[in-house]
Amino acid sequence: MYAFFSESHAQNLHLKITGKTIDETKTIDAIGYSKTHNNYLSVKNEIDSLRNYLNTLGFIENRLINIKKSNDSVFSAKLHLKQKFNTIYIYYNYQDVNTSF
């Protein structure tokens, strides 16, 4: 009698996110993000979540420059944070705004 054993190892994917500059990379590292993922969708979702969080911090023009697969298990993403906005003023004509809410 022969016994066959099939062992399946799910390969973890590793994510490294850097900024366009050293200061941007320091900002990203200070915020933190999950570096280990089960699949590419999880990697992409983590990048999207970080970008959304950067929006809430005032980096409303941040953009994803690229995502590269460095090898079988490592993805590298590069972001450009651009300018941080601490205050945004919105000027409007009060007659154009519906106040009947």
C-alpha atoms as a PDB file:
ATOM      1  CA  MET A   1       0.000   0.000   0.000  1.00  0.00           C
ATOM      2  CA  TYR A   2       1.371   3.376  -1.005  1.00  0.00           C
ATOM      3  CA  ALA A   3       0.530   6.590   0.706  1.00  0.00           C
ATOM      4  CA  PHE A   4       0.763   9.830  -1.169  1.00  0.00           C
ATOM      5  CA  PHE A   5       0.885  13.050   0.709  1.00  0.00           C
ATOM      6  CA  SER A   6       0.182  16.288  -0.970  1.00  0.00           C
ATOM      7  CA  GLU A   7       1.352  19.258   0.969  1.00  0.00           C
ATOM      8  CA  SER A   8       0.245  22.630  -0.217  1.00  0.00           C
ATOM      9  CA  HIS A   9       1.985  25.754   0.969  1.00  0.00           C
ATOM     10  CA  ALA A  10       0.256  29.013   0.392  1.00  0.00           C
ATOM     11  CA  GLN A  11       2.907  31.494  -0.536  1.00  0.00           C
ATOM     12  CA  ASN A  12       2.730  34.733   1.370  1.00  0.00           C
ATOM     13  CA  LEU A  13       3.251  37.877  -0.638  1.00  0.00           C
ATOM     14  CA  HIS A  14       5.311  40.695   0.800  1.00  0.00           C
ATOM     15  CA  LEU A  15       4.600  44.361   0.126  1.00  0.00           C
ATOM     16  CA  LYS A  16       7.087  47.222   0.278  1.00  0.00           C
ATOM     17  CA  ILE A  17       5.705  50.735  -0.242  1.00  0.00           C
ATOM     18  CA  THR A  18       8.060  53.634  -0.849  1.00  0.00           C
ATOM     19  CA  GLY A  19       7.566  57.282  -1.623  1.00  0.00           C
ATOM     20  CA  LYS A  20       9.015  59.307  -4.450  1.00  0.00           C
ATOM     21  CA  THR A  21      11.424  60.901  -1.956  1.00  0.00           C
ATOM     22  CA  ILE A  22      13.076  59.808   1.273  1.00  0.00           C
ATOM     23  CA  ASP A  23      10.761  62.104   3.256  1.00  0.00           C
ATOM     24  CA  GLU A  24       7.692  60.585   1.597  1.00  0.00           C
ATOM     25  CA  THR A  25       8.966  57.095   2.437  1.00  0.00           C
ATOM     26  CA  LYS A  26       9.448  58.155   6.065  1.00  0.00           C
ATOM     27  CA  THR A  27       5.850  59.433   6.152  1.00  0.00           C
ATOM     28  CA  ILE A  28       4.540  56.160   4.705  1.00  0.00           C
ATOM     29  CA  ASP A  29       6.593  54.087   7.160  1.00  0.00           C
ATOM     30  CA  ALA A  30       5.398  56.226  10.086  1.00  0.00           C
ATOM     31  CA  ILE A  31       1.770  55.543   9.130  1.00  0.00           C
ATOM     32  CA  GLY A  32       2.384  51.828   8.762  1.00  0.00           C
ATOM     33  CA  TYR A  33       0.714  49.205   6.605  1.00  0.00           C
ATOM     34  CA  SER A  34       0.374  45.425   6.394  1.00  0.00           C
ATOM     35  CA  LYS A  35       3.436  43.979   4.735  1.00  0.00           C
ATOM     36  CA  THR A  36       2.337  40.335   4.376  1.00  0.00           C
ATOM     37  CA  HIS A  37      -0.599  39.243   2.226  1.00  0.00           C
ATOM     38  CA  ASN A  38      -2.205  36.059   0.931  1.00  0.00           C
ATOM     39  CA  ASN A  39      -2.875  37.205  -2.629  1.00  0.00           C
ATOM     40  CA  TYR A  40      -2.512  40.078  -5.074  1.00  0.00           C
ATOM     41  CA  LEU A  41      -6.002  41.412  -4.334  1.00  0.00           C
ATOM     42  CA  SER A  42      -5.016  41.843  -0.689  1.00  0.00           C
ATOM     43  CA  VAL A  43      -1.851  43.694  -1.781  1.00  0.00           C
ATOM     44  CA  LYS A  44      -3.877  46.023  -4.004  1.00  0.00           C
ATOM     45  CA  ASN A  45      -6.477  46.621  -1.266  1.00  0.00           C
ATOM     46  CA  GLU A  46      -3.728  47.535   1.211  1.00  0.00           C
ATOM     47  CA  ILE A  47      -2.301  50.102  -1.202  1.00  0.00           C
ATOM     48  CA  ASP A  48      -5.780  51.541  -1.804  1.00  0.00           C
ATOM     49  CA  SER A  49      -6.441  51.709   1.951  1.00  0.00           C
ATOM     50  CA  LEU A  50      -3.168  53.528   2.545  1.00  0.00           C
ATOM     51  CA  ARG A  51      -3.950  56.007  -0.231  1.00  0.00           C
ATOM     52  CA  ASN A  52      -7.395  56.674   1.254  1.00  0.00           C
ATOM     53  CA  TYR A  53      -5.851  57.235   4.679  1.00  0.00           C
ATOM     54  CA  LEU A  54      -3.302  59.615   3.143  1.00  0.00           C
ATOM     55  CA  ASN A  55      -6.268  61.562   1.738  1.00  0.00           C
ATOM     56  CA  THR A  56      -7.643  62.006   5.252  1.00  0.00           C
ATOM     57  CA  LEU A  57      -4.247  63.313   6.392  1.00  0.00           C
ATOM     58  CA  GLY A  58      -4.284  66.021   3.724  1.00  0.00           C
ATOM     59  CA  PHE A  59      -2.363  64.327   0.917  1.00  0.00           C
ATOM     60  CA  ILE A  60      -5.387  64.650  -1.364  1.00  0.00           C
ATOM     61  CA  GLU A  61      -3.323  64.610  -4.565  1.00  0.00           C
ATOM     62  CA  ASN A  62      -1.366  61.429  -3.768  1.00  0.00           C
ATOM     63  CA  ARG A  63      -0.982  59.034  -6.631  1.00  0.00           C
ATOM     64  CA  LEU A  64       0.247  55.531  -7.258  1.00  0.00           C
ATOM     65  CA  ILE A  65       3.262  55.676  -9.556  1.00  0.00           C
ATOM     66  CA  ASN A  66       3.602  51.913 -10.040  1.00  0.00           C
ATOM     67  CA  ILE A  67       3.359  48.441  -8.587  1.00  0.00           C
ATOM     68  CA  LYS A  68       6.174  46.085  -9.550  1.00  0.00           C
ATOM     69  CA  LYS A  69       6.577  42.405  -8.887  1.00  0.00           C
ATOM     70  CA  SER A  70      10.184  42.157  -7.692  1.00  0.00           C
ATOM     71  CA  ASN A  71      10.153  38.350  -7.571  1.00  0.00           C
ATOM     72  CA  ASP A  72       7.655  35.539  -6.946  1.00  0.00           C
ATOM     73  CA  SER A  73       6.657  36.800  -3.529  1.00  0.00           C
ATOM     74  CA  VAL A  74       7.587  40.501  -3.310  1.00  0.00           C
ATOM     75  CA  PHE A  75       5.610  43.452  -4.627  1.00  0.00           C
ATOM     76  CA  SER A  76       6.989  46.988  -4.527  1.00  0.00           C
ATOM     77  CA  ALA A  77       4.673  49.973  -4.794  1.00  0.00           C
ATOM     78  CA  LYS A  78       5.775  53.556  -5.266  1.00  0.00           C
ATOM     79  CA  LEU A  79       3.588  56.496  -4.239  1.00  0.00           C
ATOM     80  CA  HIS A  80       3.953  60.212  -4.783  1.00  0.00           C
ATOM     81  CA  LEU A  81       2.323  62.023  -1.861  1.00  0.00           C
ATOM     82  CA  LYS A  82       2.606  65.503  -3.393  1.00  0.00           C
ATOM     83  CA  GLN A  83       1.652  68.525  -1.312  1.00  0.00           C
ATOM     84  CA  LYS A  84      -0.032  68.146   2.068  1.00  0.00           C
ATOM     85  CA  PHE A  85      -3.037  70.398   2.597  1.00  0.00           C
ATOM     86  CA  ASN A  86      -3.745  71.378   6.195  1.00  0.00           C
ATOM     87  CA  THR A  87      -6.678  73.641   5.354  1.00  0.00           C
ATOM     88  CA  ILE A  88      -8.952  73.855   2.353  1.00  0.00           C
ATOM     89  CA  TYR A  89     -11.160  76.869   1.858  1.00  0.00           C
ATOM     90  CA  ILE A  90     -14.277  76.507  -0.253  1.00  0.00           C
ATOM     91  CA  TYR A  91     -15.800  79.700  -1.535  1.00  0.00           C
ATOM     92  CA  TYR A  92     -19.300  79.596  -2.913  1.00  0.00           C
ATOM     93  CA  ASN A  93     -22.212  81.801  -3.737  1.00  0.00           C
ATOM     94  CA  TYR A  94     -24.797  81.176  -1.002  1.00  0.00           C
ATOM     95  CA  GLN A  95     -27.575  81.691  -3.571  1.00  0.00           C
ATOM     96  CA  ASP A  96     -26.339  78.627  -5.469  1.00  0.00           C
ATOM     97  CA  VAL A  97     -26.624  76.352  -2.429  1.00  0.00           C
ATOM     98  CA  ASN A  98     -29.906  74.662  -1.578  1.00  0.00           C
ATOM     99  CA  THR A  99     -30.467  75.282   2.141  1.00  0.00           C
ATOM    100  CA  SER A 100     -33.834  73.506   2.339  1.00  0.00           C
ATOM    101  CA  PHE A 101     -32.328  70.258   3.651  1.00  0.00           C
END
